Amino acid sequence: MNRLGVASRPWLLLGFLGVVVILFATGPAYFPIYTVILLTAIFMYVVLTMSWVIFSGPTGYVSLAPAAFFGVGIYSSAILGKMLPLPLVVVIGGLASFGLALLVGALTLRLKGIYFAIFTFGLVELIKNLLLWWEIHFTGTRGRFVIVVDHVTVYYVMVSILAVLILTAYLIRRSKFGLALQSIGDNEQAAAHIGINVTALKVITFAVSAFFTGAAGAIMATRWTYIDPFIAFNPLLSFMPVLMAIFGGMGQFYGPIVGAIIFGYLEEILITRFPYYYMLLFGAIMVIAILYLPNGLVGLIQRVTAPRVIASGARDLAFRARDFSLRPPRWRPRSSK
């Protein structure tokens, strides 16, 4: 019975994923428009969080640059939205962030610890103020108008980006590159000694994660009529992926996804019901989660279910021992002469 139960779990998982895919693919047909907008915002946070986890999760490098890549995608959409079709604009936004990450990573990924985190956060402020100075002194304006796209189209594009991102993250995690990234996080010097090109691997993974962040920024820009450097390069978007990943727990693949979904919905509830205090409540919830859930929600689930798993394993072992004791012996001892 136990073997049948174990064998059926992958099929149950695939069936559940199939139901989820069908639900989200057909959702706009029967969801109210508010739900479509809310799901788009939640999926955006999932994309930002999973993009951050692709690089920072296994390597241990805390990047605070998501807001920079997201803003580059937004400005790519604002500049090219009138001239090019939407799918091409989204891809260009991702490629622009990819190129920026390649350049920044090649220059800074030799830094470690707090120095890398400070530099990546400084990158957000540098690009924001540089764009502001450029617009004021050379274009005589501040900000740009964006071509607005209907919410259903934005929803489907965001779902497509999320699907490709989850597949990419899964393949990286299960490949030799994921193992190499894990070795960098465990001991970077040892990884270099066994022949891993740690700098190149970090730079490429950093750029891949930035591609999805920039693509998400390019499509989200079409929800707003007007953007400026302070809107596009919001520093909050550099910290939210980190907090969501920690809240969900990075011990399992699905942990950051769960954390992003819960935090994205929680942000919407707090903003609508407590518009003047939501950041205070948000911070209090995060502090409590870090203090009492050091391994995130995934760690809590594992801690709760661990006794049941141990009991089930012990019961299975007892059944196997009983079956073994009831079997007739296949050998006979030699008779002594």
C-alpha atoms as a PDB file:
ATOM      1  CA  MET A   1       0.000   0.000   0.000  1.00  0.00           C
ATOM      2  CA  ASN A   2       2.795   2.358   0.879  1.00  0.00           C
ATOM      3  CA  ARG A   3       4.477   1.829  -2.474  1.00  0.00           C
ATOM      4  CA  LEU A   4       1.264   2.641  -4.302  1.00  0.00           C
ATOM      5  CA  GLY A   5       0.859   5.794  -2.235  1.00  0.00           C
ATOM      6  CA  VAL A   6       4.386   6.964  -2.948  1.00  0.00           C
ATOM      7  CA  ALA A   7       4.058   6.173  -6.645  1.00  0.00           C
ATOM      8  CA  SER A   8       0.824   8.135  -6.914  1.00  0.00           C
ATOM      9  CA  ARG A   9       2.246  11.347  -5.448  1.00  0.00           C
ATOM     10  CA  PRO A  10       3.891  12.610  -8.677  1.00  0.00           C
ATOM     11  CA  TRP A  11       0.629  12.105 -10.542  1.00  0.00           C
ATOM     12  CA  LEU A  12      -1.256  13.953  -7.838  1.00  0.00           C
ATOM     13  CA  LEU A  13       1.235  16.808  -8.054  1.00  0.00           C
ATOM     14  CA  LEU A  14       0.987  16.946 -11.849  1.00  0.00           C
ATOM     15  CA  GLY A  15      -2.804  16.893 -11.617  1.00  0.00           C
ATOM     16  CA  PHE A  16      -2.778  19.736  -9.119  1.00  0.00           C
ATOM     17  CA  LEU A  17      -0.431  21.787 -11.288  1.00  0.00           C
ATOM     18  CA  GLY A  18      -2.654  21.138 -14.293  1.00  0.00           C
ATOM     19  CA  VAL A  19      -5.707  22.414 -12.428  1.00  0.00           C
ATOM     20  CA  VAL A  20      -3.774  25.528 -11.325  1.00  0.00           C
ATOM     21  CA  VAL A  21      -2.603  26.229 -14.892  1.00  0.00           C
ATOM     22  CA  ILE A  22      -6.140  25.889 -16.270  1.00  0.00           C
ATOM     23  CA  LEU A  23      -7.508  28.098 -13.494  1.00  0.00           C
ATOM     24  CA  PHE A  24      -5.033  30.914 -14.129  1.00  0.00           C
ATOM     25  CA  ALA A  25      -5.265  30.573 -17.922  1.00  0.00           C
ATOM     26  CA  THR A  26      -9.034  30.963 -17.903  1.00  0.00           C
ATOM     27  CA  GLY A  27      -9.234  33.239 -14.854  1.00  0.00           C
ATOM     28  CA  PRO A  28      -9.888  36.579 -16.593  1.00  0.00           C
ATOM     29  CA  ALA A  29     -12.981  35.077 -18.241  1.00  0.00           C
ATOM     30  CA  TYR A  30     -14.836  34.841 -14.914  1.00  0.00           C
ATOM     31  CA  PHE A  31     -12.700  36.821 -12.416  1.00  0.00           C
ATOM     32  CA  PRO A  32     -13.784  40.407 -11.662  1.00  0.00           C
ATOM     33  CA  ILE A  33     -11.357  43.037 -12.945  1.00  0.00           C
ATOM     34  CA  TYR A  34     -10.175  43.819  -9.408  1.00  0.00           C
ATOM     35  CA  THR A  35      -9.116  40.195  -8.937  1.00  0.00           C
ATOM     36  CA  VAL A  36      -7.226  40.273 -12.241  1.00  0.00           C
ATOM     37  CA  ILE A  37      -5.352  43.407 -11.145  1.00  0.00           C
ATOM     38  CA  LEU A  38      -4.613  41.895  -7.715  1.00  0.00           C
ATOM     39  CA  LEU A  39      -3.330  38.631  -9.206  1.00  0.00           C
ATOM     40  CA  THR A  40      -1.110  40.574 -11.613  1.00  0.00           C
ATOM     41  CA  ALA A  41       0.478  42.439  -8.703  1.00  0.00           C
ATOM     42  CA  ILE A  42       0.967  39.190  -6.750  1.00  0.00           C
ATOM     43  CA  PHE A  43       2.537  37.485  -9.773  1.00  0.00           C
ATOM     44  CA  MET A  44       4.856  40.473 -10.151  1.00  0.00           C
ATOM     45  CA  TYR A  45       6.100  39.939  -6.597  1.00  0.00           C
ATOM     46  CA  VAL A  46       6.546  36.226  -7.273  1.00  0.00           C
ATOM     47  CA  VAL A  47       8.653  37.058 -10.346  1.00  0.00           C
ATOM     48  CA  LEU A  48      10.795  39.521  -8.391  1.00  0.00           C
ATOM     49  CA  THR A  49      11.266  37.070  -5.514  1.00  0.00           C
ATOM     50  CA  MET A  50      12.074  34.030  -7.653  1.00  0.00           C
ATOM     51  CA  SER A  51      14.455  36.111  -9.788  1.00  0.00           C
ATOM     52  CA  TRP A  52      16.264  37.191  -6.639  1.00  0.00           C
ATOM     53  CA  VAL A  53      16.396  33.617  -5.321  1.00  0.00           C
ATOM     54  CA  ILE A  54      17.941  32.244  -8.544  1.00  0.00           C
ATOM     55  CA  PHE A  55      21.156  34.133  -7.755  1.00  0.00           C
ATOM     56  CA  SER A  56      21.150  35.105  -4.089  1.00  0.00           C
ATOM     57  CA  GLY A  57      19.601  31.902  -2.729  1.00  0.00           C
ATOM     58  CA  PRO A  58      22.374  29.397  -3.508  1.00  0.00           C
ATOM     59  CA  THR A  59      25.342  31.803  -3.537  1.00  0.00           C
ATOM     60  CA  GLY A  60      24.554  33.755  -0.369  1.00  0.00           C
ATOM     61  CA  TYR A  61      25.225  37.101  -2.104  1.00  0.00           C
ATOM     62  CA  VAL A  62      22.530  39.532  -0.923  1.00  0.00           C
ATOM     63  CA  SER A  63      21.658  41.655  -3.951  1.00  0.00           C
ATOM     64  CA  LEU A  64      19.685  44.851  -3.409  1.00  0.00           C
ATOM     65  CA  ALA A  65      19.603  45.704  -7.114  1.00  0.00           C
ATOM     66  CA  PRO A  66      16.128  44.387  -8.144  1.00  0.00           C
ATOM     67  CA  ALA A  67      14.750  47.944  -8.150  1.00  0.00           C
ATOM     68  CA  ALA A  68      17.473  49.004 -10.624  1.00  0.00           C
ATOM     69  CA  PHE A  69      16.638  46.198 -13.088  1.00  0.00           C
ATOM     70  CA  PHE A  70      12.914  46.715 -12.609  1.00  0.00           C
ATOM     71  CA  GLY A  71      13.305  50.437 -13.315  1.00  0.00           C
ATOM     72  CA  VAL A  72      15.359  49.776 -16.442  1.00  0.00           C
ATOM     73  CA  GLY A  73      12.513  47.613 -17.715  1.00  0.00           C
ATOM     74  CA  ILE A  74      10.006  50.359 -16.931  1.00  0.00           C
ATOM     75  CA  TYR A  75      11.977  53.004 -18.815  1.00  0.00           C
ATOM     76  CA  SER A  76      12.504  50.631 -21.742  1.00  0.00           C
ATOM     77  CA  SER A  77       8.731  50.298 -22.010  1.00  0.00           C
ATOM     78  CA  ALA A  78       8.202  54.044 -21.677  1.00  0.00           C
ATOM     79  CA  ILE A  79      10.730  54.848 -24.422  1.00  0.00           C
ATOM     80  CA  LEU A  80       9.914  52.056 -26.886  1.00  0.00           C
ATOM     81  CA  GLY A  81       6.228  51.454 -26.171  1.00  0.00           C
ATOM     82  CA  LYS A  82       5.058  53.788 -28.941  1.00  0.00           C
ATOM     83  CA  MET A  83       7.325  52.301 -31.615  1.00  0.00           C
ATOM     84  CA  LEU A  84       7.396  48.526 -31.041  1.00  0.00           C
ATOM     85  CA  PRO A  85       4.869  45.761 -30.312  1.00  0.00           C
ATOM     86  CA  LEU A  86       4.361  44.819 -26.672  1.00  0.00           C
ATOM     87  CA  PRO A  87       6.068  41.377 -26.683  1.00  0.00           C
ATOM     88  CA  LEU A  88       9.187  42.875 -28.251  1.00  0.00           C
ATOM     89  CA  VAL A  89       9.182  45.713 -25.710  1.00  0.00           C
ATOM     90  CA  VAL A  90       9.032  43.202 -22.857  1.00  0.00           C
ATOM     91  CA  VAL A  91      11.936  41.198 -24.292  1.00  0.00           C
ATOM     92  CA  ILE A  92      14.003  44.362 -24.836  1.00  0.00           C
ATOM     93  CA  GLY A  93      13.307  45.457 -21.266  1.00  0.00           C
ATOM     94  CA  GLY A  94      14.614  42.109 -20.046  1.00  0.00           C
ATOM     95  CA  LEU A  95      17.665  42.274 -22.314  1.00  0.00           C
ATOM     96  CA  ALA A  96      18.487  45.815 -21.174  1.00  0.00           C
ATOM     97  CA  SER A  97      18.480  44.633 -17.558  1.00  0.00           C
ATOM     98  CA  PHE A  98      20.491  41.566 -18.603  1.00  0.00           C
ATOM     99  CA  GLY A  99      23.170  43.774 -20.153  1.00  0.00           C
ATOM    100  CA  LEU A 100      23.278  46.082 -17.147  1.00  0.00           C
ATOM    101  CA  ALA A 101      23.649  43.097 -14.825  1.00  0.00           C
ATOM    102  CA  LEU A 102      26.468  41.686 -16.940  1.00  0.00           C
ATOM    103  CA  LEU A 103      28.363  44.978 -16.706  1.00  0.00           C
ATOM    104  CA  VAL A 104      27.713  45.518 -13.014  1.00  0.00           C
ATOM    105  CA  GLY A 105      28.355  41.880 -12.132  1.00  0.00           C
ATOM    106  CA  ALA A 106      31.678  41.774 -13.955  1.00  0.00           C
ATOM    107  CA  LEU A 107      32.807  44.841 -11.984  1.00  0.00           C
ATOM    108  CA  THR A 108      31.387  44.088  -8.545  1.00  0.00           C
ATOM    109  CA  LEU A 109      30.897  40.351  -8.035  1.00  0.00           C
ATOM    110  CA  ARG A 110      34.401  40.107  -6.665  1.00  0.00           C
ATOM    111  CA  LEU A 111      33.031  41.951  -3.642  1.00  0.00           C
ATOM    112  CA  LYS A 112      31.527  39.896  -0.843  1.00  0.00           C
ATOM    113  CA  GLY A 113      29.201  40.279   2.094  1.00  0.00           C
ATOM    114  CA  ILE A 114      27.925  43.681   3.100  1.00  0.00           C
ATOM    115  CA  TYR A 115      30.109  45.435   0.518  1.00  0.00           C
ATOM    116  CA  PHE A 116      28.261  43.800  -2.362  1.00  0.00           C
ATOM    117  CA  ALA A 117      24.866  44.554  -0.784  1.00  0.00           C
ATOM    118  CA  ILE A 118      25.748  48.232  -0.273  1.00  0.00           C
ATOM    119  CA  PHE A 119      27.042  48.604  -3.822  1.00  0.00           C
ATOM    120  CA  THR A 120      23.943  47.050  -5.392  1.00  0.00           C
ATOM    121  CA  PHE A 121      21.677  49.322  -3.373  1.00  0.00           C
ATOM    122  CA  GLY A 122      23.835  52.299  -4.341  1.00  0.00           C
ATOM    123  CA  LEU A 123      23.330  51.297  -7.977  1.00  0.00           C
ATOM    124  CA  VAL A 124      19.591  51.935  -7.595  1.00  0.00           C
ATOM    125  CA  GLU A 125      20.165  55.433  -6.247  1.00  0.00           C
ATOM    126  CA  LEU A 126      22.851  56.174  -8.847  1.00  0.00           C
ATOM    127  CA  ILE A 127      20.642  55.310 -11.836  1.00  0.00           C
ATOM    128  CA  LYS A 128      17.632  57.082 -10.328  1.00  0.00           C
ATOM    129  CA  ASN A 129      19.445  60.360  -9.749  1.00  0.00           C
ATOM    130  CA  LEU A 130      21.351  60.155 -13.031  1.00  0.00           C
ATOM    131  CA  LEU A 131      18.095  59.780 -14.969  1.00  0.00           C
ATOM    132  CA  LEU A 132      16.520  62.627 -13.010  1.00  0.00           C
ATOM    133  CA  TRP A 133      19.471  64.909 -13.775  1.00  0.00           C
ATOM    134  CA  TRP A 134      19.377  63.933 -17.467  1.00  0.00           C
ATOM    135  CA  GLU A 135      15.666  64.587 -17.854  1.00  0.00           C
ATOM    136  CA  ILE A 136      15.749  67.951 -16.104  1.00  0.00           C
ATOM    137  CA  HIS A 137      18.832  69.292 -17.905  1.00  0.00           C
ATOM    138  CA  PHE A 138      18.467  67.783 -21.396  1.00  0.00           C
ATOM    139  CA  THR A 139      14.786  67.020 -22.018  1.00  0.00           C
ATOM    140  CA  GLY A 140      13.343  69.765 -19.821  1.00  0.00           C
ATOM    141  CA  THR A 141      10.854  67.361 -18.273  1.00  0.00           C
ATOM    142  CA  ARG A 142      10.587  65.026 -15.360  1.00  0.00           C
ATOM    143  CA  GLY A 143       9.206  61.596 -16.186  1.00  0.00           C
ATOM    144  CA  ARG A 144       7.453  60.174 -19.229  1.00  0.00           C
ATOM    145  CA  PHE A 145       4.003  59.068 -20.317  1.00  0.00           C
ATOM    146  CA  VAL A 146       3.513  55.358 -20.947  1.00  0.00           C
ATOM    147  CA  ILE A 147       1.308  53.573 -23.466  1.00  0.00           C
ATOM    148  CA  VAL A 148      -1.469  51.975 -21.392  1.00  0.00           C
ATOM    149  CA  VAL A 149      -2.439  48.338 -22.056  1.00  0.00           C
ATOM    150  CA  ASP A 150      -5.599  46.643 -20.829  1.00  0.00           C
ATOM    151  CA  HIS A 151      -5.372  44.681 -17.589  1.00  0.00           C
ATOM    152  CA  VAL A 152      -6.147  41.284 -19.125  1.00  0.00           C
ATOM    153  CA  THR A 153      -3.199  41.569 -21.536  1.00  0.00           C
ATOM    154  CA  VAL A 154      -0.884  42.586 -18.705  1.00  0.00           C
ATOM    155  CA  TYR A 155      -2.157  39.610 -16.695  1.00  0.00           C
ATOM    156  CA  TYR A 156      -1.408  37.080 -19.437  1.00  0.00           C
ATOM    157  CA  VAL A 157       2.038  38.509 -20.167  1.00  0.00           C
ATOM    158  CA  MET A 158       2.917  38.415 -16.468  1.00  0.00           C
ATOM    159  CA  VAL A 159       1.699  34.809 -16.184  1.00  0.00           C
ATOM    160  CA  SER A 160       3.860  33.901 -19.196  1.00  0.00           C
ATOM    161  CA  ILE A 161       6.943  35.521 -17.629  1.00  0.00           C
ATOM    162  CA  LEU A 162       6.240  33.703 -14.363  1.00  0.00           C
ATOM    163  CA  ALA A 163       5.870  30.323 -16.094  1.00  0.00           C
ATOM    164  CA  VAL A 164       9.168  30.711 -17.973  1.00  0.00           C
ATOM    165  CA  LEU A 165      10.884  31.899 -14.784  1.00  0.00           C
ATOM    166  CA  ILE A 166       9.695  28.950 -12.688  1.00  0.00           C
ATOM    167  CA  LEU A 167      10.802  26.514 -15.390  1.00  0.00           C
ATOM    168  CA  THR A 168      14.207  28.231 -15.641  1.00  0.00           C
ATOM    169  CA  ALA A 169      14.689  28.259 -11.861  1.00  0.00           C
ATOM    170  CA  TYR A 170      13.749  24.575 -11.628  1.00  0.00           C
ATOM    171  CA  LEU A 171      16.142  23.569 -14.408  1.00  0.00           C
ATOM    172  CA  ILE A 172      18.994  25.576 -12.887  1.00  0.00           C
ATOM    173  CA  ARG A 173      18.346  24.063  -9.464  1.00  0.00           C
ATOM    174  CA  ARG A 174      18.382  20.516 -10.872  1.00  0.00           C
ATOM    175  CA  SER A 175      21.407  20.993 -13.143  1.00  0.00           C
ATOM    176  CA  LYS A 176      25.148  20.930 -12.581  1.00  0.00           C
ATOM    177  CA  PHE A 177      25.097  24.745 -12.632  1.00  0.00           C
ATOM    178  CA  GLY A 178      22.797  24.723  -9.621  1.00  0.00           C
ATOM    179  CA  LEU A 179      25.193  22.376  -7.853  1.00  0.00           C
ATOM    180  CA  ALA A 180      28.075  24.702  -8.714  1.00  0.00           C
ATOM    181  CA  LEU A 181      26.134  27.678  -7.325  1.00  0.00           C
ATOM    182  CA  GLN A 182      25.485  25.734  -4.129  1.00  0.00           C
ATOM    183  CA  SER A 183      29.197  24.983  -3.828  1.00  0.00           C
ATOM    184  CA  ILE A 184      29.949  28.712  -4.202  1.00  0.00           C
ATOM    185  CA  GLY A 185      27.574  29.435  -1.340  1.00  0.00           C
ATOM    186  CA  ASP A 186      29.117  26.723   0.831  1.00  0.00           C
ATOM    187  CA  ASN A 187      32.777  27.560   0.199  1.00  0.00           C
ATOM    188  CA  GLU A 188      33.707  29.780  -2.723  1.00  0.00           C
ATOM    189  CA  GLN A 189      37.451  29.200  -2.433  1.00  0.00           C
ATOM    190  CA  ALA A 190      36.986  25.432  -2.458  1.00  0.00           C
ATOM    191  CA  ALA A 191      34.704  25.737  -5.504  1.00  0.00           C
ATOM    192  CA  ALA A 192      37.392  27.718  -7.335  1.00  0.00           C
ATOM    193  CA  HIS A 193      40.053  25.131  -6.404  1.00  0.00           C
ATOM    194  CA  ILE A 194      38.056  22.260  -7.917  1.00  0.00           C
ATOM    195  CA  GLY A 195      37.867  24.061 -11.266  1.00  0.00           C
ATOM    196  CA  ILE A 196      34.640  26.081 -11.167  1.00  0.00           C
ATOM    197  CA  ASN A 197      34.902  29.493 -12.846  1.00  0.00           C
ATOM    198  CA  VAL A 198      33.122  31.186  -9.958  1.00  0.00           C
ATOM    199  CA  THR A 199      33.244  34.735 -11.344  1.00  0.00           C
ATOM    200  CA  ALA A 200      31.768  33.819 -14.735  1.00  0.00           C
ATOM    201  CA  LEU A 201      29.090  31.635 -13.161  1.00  0.00           C
ATOM    202  CA  LYS A 202      28.059  34.361 -10.727  1.00  0.00           C
ATOM    203  CA  VAL A 203      27.936  37.016 -13.442  1.00  0.00           C
ATOM    204  CA  ILE A 204      25.834  34.895 -15.818  1.00  0.00           C
ATOM    205  CA  THR A 205      23.386  33.833 -13.089  1.00  0.00           C
ATOM    206  CA  PHE A 206      23.129  37.432 -11.875  1.00  0.00           C
ATOM    207  CA  ALA A 207      22.283  38.548 -15.422  1.00  0.00           C
ATOM    208  CA  VAL A 208      19.711  35.777 -15.936  1.00  0.00           C
ATOM    209  CA  SER A 209      17.907  36.790 -12.754  1.00  0.00           C
ATOM    210  CA  ALA A 210      17.970  40.441 -13.891  1.00  0.00           C
ATOM    211  CA  PHE A 211      16.379  39.530 -17.244  1.00  0.00           C
ATOM    212  CA  PHE A 212      13.121  38.406 -15.628  1.00  0.00           C
ATOM    213  CA  THR A 213      13.064  41.393 -13.294  1.00  0.00           C
ATOM    214  CA  GLY A 214      13.443  43.778 -16.240  1.00  0.00           C
ATOM    215  CA  ALA A 215      10.761  41.958 -18.241  1.00  0.00           C
ATOM    216  CA  ALA A 216       8.360  42.269 -15.308  1.00  0.00           C
ATOM    217  CA  GLY A 217       9.112  45.992 -15.071  1.00  0.00           C
ATOM    218  CA  ALA A 218       8.489  46.463 -18.798  1.00  0.00           C
ATOM    219  CA  ILE A 219       4.994  44.956 -18.648  1.00  0.00           C
ATOM    220  CA  MET A 220       4.054  46.551 -15.318  1.00  0.00           C
ATOM    221  CA  ALA A 221       4.890  50.000 -16.714  1.00  0.00           C
ATOM    222  CA  THR A 222       1.906  49.676 -19.057  1.00  0.00           C
ATOM    223  CA  ARG A 223      -0.443  49.752 -16.052  1.00  0.00           C
ATOM    224  CA  TRP A 224       0.603  53.311 -15.225  1.00  0.00           C
ATOM    225  CA  THR A 225      -0.079  56.413 -17.267  1.00  0.00           C
ATOM    226  CA  TYR A 226       2.999  58.289 -16.068  1.00  0.00           C
ATOM    227  CA  ILE A 227       6.372  57.251 -14.633  1.00  0.00           C
ATOM    228  CA  ASP A 228       9.408  59.131 -13.349  1.00  0.00           C
ATOM    229  CA  PRO A 229      12.711  58.009 -11.797  1.00  0.00           C
ATOM    230  CA  PHE A 230      11.260  57.976  -8.289  1.00  0.00           C
ATOM    231  CA  ILE A 231       8.392  55.729  -9.372  1.00  0.00           C
ATOM    232  CA  ALA A 232      10.498  53.439 -11.570  1.00  0.00           C
ATOM    233  CA  PHE A 233      13.428  53.015  -9.165  1.00  0.00           C
ATOM    234  CA  ASN A 234      11.496  52.608  -5.938  1.00  0.00           C
ATOM    235  CA  PRO A 235      13.958  51.304  -3.298  1.00  0.00           C
ATOM    236  CA  LEU A 236      11.155  49.313  -1.671  1.00  0.00           C
ATOM    237  CA  LEU A 237      11.292  46.894  -4.597  1.00  0.00           C
ATOM    238  CA  SER A 238      14.881  46.051  -3.677  1.00  0.00           C
ATOM    239  CA  PHE A 239      13.937  44.932  -0.182  1.00  0.00           C
ATOM    240  CA  MET A 240      10.569  43.273  -0.813  1.00  0.00           C
ATOM    241  CA  PRO A 241      11.980  40.236  -2.688  1.00  0.00           C
ATOM    242  CA  VAL A 242      14.475  39.635   0.124  1.00  0.00           C
ATOM    243  CA  LEU A 243      11.789  39.831   2.802  1.00  0.00           C
ATOM    244  CA  MET A 244       9.372  37.650   0.848  1.00  0.00           C
ATOM    245  CA  ALA A 245      12.010  34.972   0.272  1.00  0.00           C
ATOM    246  CA  ILE A 246      12.965  34.955   3.963  1.00  0.00           C
ATOM    247  CA  PHE A 247       9.314  34.856   5.017  1.00  0.00           C
ATOM    248  CA  GLY A 248       8.528  31.907   2.751  1.00  0.00           C
ATOM    249  CA  GLY A 249      11.754  30.083   3.461  1.00  0.00           C
ATOM    250  CA  MET A 250      14.481  29.202   0.976  1.00  0.00           C
ATOM    251  CA  GLY A 251      14.894  25.604   2.101  1.00  0.00           C
ATOM    252  CA  GLN A 252      12.447  24.382  -0.545  1.00  0.00           C
ATOM    253  CA  PHE A 253      11.799  25.458  -4.120  1.00  0.00           C
ATOM    254  CA  TYR A 254       8.234  26.550  -3.383  1.00  0.00           C
ATOM    255  CA  GLY A 255       9.102  28.541  -0.241  1.00  0.00           C
ATOM    256  CA  PRO A 256       9.771  31.941  -1.890  1.00  0.00           C
ATOM    257  CA  ILE A 257       6.659  31.501  -4.054  1.00  0.00           C
ATOM    258  CA  VAL A 258       4.486  30.995  -0.979  1.00  0.00           C
ATOM    259  CA  GLY A 259       6.109  33.949   0.790  1.00  0.00           C
ATOM    260  CA  ALA A 260       5.595  36.261  -2.199  1.00  0.00           C
ATOM    261  CA  ILE A 261       1.937  35.257  -2.597  1.00  0.00           C
ATOM    262  CA  ILE A 262       1.137  35.789   1.086  1.00  0.00           C
ATOM    263  CA  PHE A 263       3.063  39.069   1.353  1.00  0.00           C
ATOM    264  CA  GLY A 264       1.631  40.396  -1.915  1.00  0.00           C
ATOM    265  CA  TYR A 265      -1.925  39.767  -0.734  1.00  0.00           C
ATOM    266  CA  LEU A 266      -1.109  41.068   2.747  1.00  0.00           C
ATOM    267  CA  GLU A 267       0.247  44.299   1.277  1.00  0.00           C
ATOM    268  CA  GLU A 268      -2.999  44.844  -0.635  1.00  0.00           C
ATOM    269  CA  ILE A 269      -5.107  44.266   2.489  1.00  0.00           C
ATOM    270  CA  LEU A 270      -3.002  46.574   4.661  1.00  0.00           C
ATOM    271  CA  ILE A 271      -2.880  49.357   2.049  1.00  0.00           C
ATOM    272  CA  THR A 272      -6.647  49.354   1.545  1.00  0.00           C
ATOM    273  CA  ARG A 273      -7.623  49.063   5.208  1.00  0.00           C
ATOM    274  CA  PHE A 274      -4.753  50.879   6.938  1.00  0.00           C
ATOM    275  CA  PRO A 275      -3.315  53.298   4.347  1.00  0.00           C
ATOM    276  CA  TYR A 276      -1.428  55.390   6.913  1.00  0.00           C
ATOM    277  CA  TYR A 277      -0.051  52.559   9.045  1.00  0.00           C
ATOM    278  CA  TYR A 278       0.487  49.711   6.613  1.00  0.00           C
ATOM    279  CA  MET A 279       4.294  50.084   6.496  1.00  0.00           C
ATOM    280  CA  LEU A 280       4.454  49.983  10.297  1.00  0.00           C
ATOM    281  CA  LEU A 281       2.266  46.869  10.399  1.00  0.00           C
ATOM    282  CA  PHE A 282       4.225  45.345   7.532  1.00  0.00           C
ATOM    283  CA  GLY A 283       7.498  45.840   9.383  1.00  0.00           C
ATOM    284  CA  ALA A 284       6.088  44.436  12.634  1.00  0.00           C
ATOM    285  CA  ILE A 285       4.892  41.298  10.857  1.00  0.00           C
ATOM    286  CA  MET A 286       8.294  40.881   9.239  1.00  0.00           C
ATOM    287  CA  VAL A 287      10.168  41.257  12.535  1.00  0.00           C
ATOM    288  CA  ILE A 288       7.922  38.685  14.191  1.00  0.00           C
ATOM    289  CA  ALA A 289       8.418  36.287  11.286  1.00  0.00           C
ATOM    290  CA  ILE A 290      12.216  36.614  11.429  1.00  0.00           C
ATOM    291  CA  LEU A 291      12.307  36.126  15.210  1.00  0.00           C
ATOM    292  CA  TYR A 292       9.926  33.181  15.452  1.00  0.00           C
ATOM    293  CA  LEU A 293      10.189  31.672  11.961  1.00  0.00           C
ATOM    294  CA  PRO A 294      13.931  31.693  11.202  1.00  0.00           C
ATOM    295  CA  ASN A 295      13.436  29.105   8.441  1.00  0.00           C
ATOM    296  CA  GLY A 296      10.270  30.714   7.095  1.00  0.00           C
ATOM    297  CA  LEU A 297       6.886  29.148   6.557  1.00  0.00           C
ATOM    298  CA  VAL A 298       8.496  26.134   4.902  1.00  0.00           C
ATOM    299  CA  GLY A 299      10.528  25.493   8.051  1.00  0.00           C
ATOM    300  CA  LEU A 300       7.375  25.744  10.168  1.00  0.00           C
ATOM    301  CA  ILE A 301       5.553  23.257   7.932  1.00  0.00           C
ATOM    302  CA  GLN A 302       8.473  20.844   8.066  1.00  0.00           C
ATOM    303  CA  ARG A 303       8.674  21.167  11.836  1.00  0.00           C
ATOM    304  CA  VAL A 304       4.968  20.401  12.201  1.00  0.00           C
ATOM    305  CA  THR A 305       4.944  17.484   9.780  1.00  0.00           C
ATOM    306  CA  ALA A 306       8.290  15.968  10.846  1.00  0.00           C
ATOM    307  CA  PRO A 307       6.839  13.893  13.749  1.00  0.00           C
ATOM    308  CA  ARG A 308       4.241  12.396  11.404  1.00  0.00           C
ATOM    309  CA  VAL A 309       6.895  11.536   8.814  1.00  0.00           C
ATOM    310  CA  ILE A 310       9.078   9.931  11.469  1.00  0.00           C
ATOM    311  CA  ALA A 311       6.129   7.969  12.851  1.00  0.00           C
ATOM    312  CA  SER A 312       5.163   6.814   9.360  1.00  0.00           C
ATOM    313  CA  GLY A 313       8.739   5.740   8.644  1.00  0.00           C
ATOM    314  CA  ALA A 314       8.974   3.869  11.933  1.00  0.00           C
ATOM    315  CA  ARG A 315       5.682   2.105  11.239  1.00  0.00           C
ATOM    316  CA  ASP A 316       6.848   1.127   7.763  1.00  0.00           C
ATOM    317  CA  LEU A 317      10.110  -0.174   9.174  1.00  0.00           C
ATOM    318  CA  ALA A 318       8.226  -2.237  11.749  1.00  0.00           C
ATOM    319  CA  PHE A 319       6.054  -3.801   9.035  1.00  0.00           C
ATOM    320  CA  ARG A 320       9.114  -4.666   6.977  1.00  0.00           C
ATOM    321  CA  ALA A 321      10.814  -6.233  10.005  1.00  0.00           C
ATOM    322  CA  ARG A 322       7.720  -8.296  10.735  1.00  0.00           C
ATOM    323  CA  ASP A 323       7.501  -9.477   7.132  1.00  0.00           C
ATOM    324  CA  PHE A 324      11.173 -10.419   7.198  1.00  0.00           C
ATOM    325  CA  SER A 325      10.775 -12.380  10.420  1.00  0.00           C
ATOM    326  CA  LEU A 326       7.853 -14.387   8.975  1.00  0.00           C
ATOM    327  CA  ARG A 327       9.709 -15.396   5.814  1.00  0.00           C
ATOM    328  CA  PRO A 328      11.172 -18.909   5.746  1.00  0.00           C
ATOM    329  CA  PRO A 329      14.966 -18.908   5.769  1.00  0.00           C
ATOM    330  CA  ARG A 330      16.595 -19.348   2.373  1.00  0.00           C
ATOM    331  CA  TRP A 331      19.698 -21.026   3.768  1.00  0.00           C
ATOM    332  CA  ARG A 332      20.373 -23.778   6.196  1.00  0.00           C
ATOM    333  CA  PRO A 333      23.320 -24.020   8.513  1.00  0.00           C
ATOM    334  CA  ARG A 334      25.775 -26.791   7.810  1.00  0.00           C
ATOM    335  CA  SER A 335      25.415 -29.795  10.028  1.00  0.00           C
ATOM    336  CA  SER A 336      28.386 -30.439  12.228  1.00  0.00           C
ATOM    337  CA  LYS A 337      30.059 -33.834  11.861  1.00  0.00           C
END
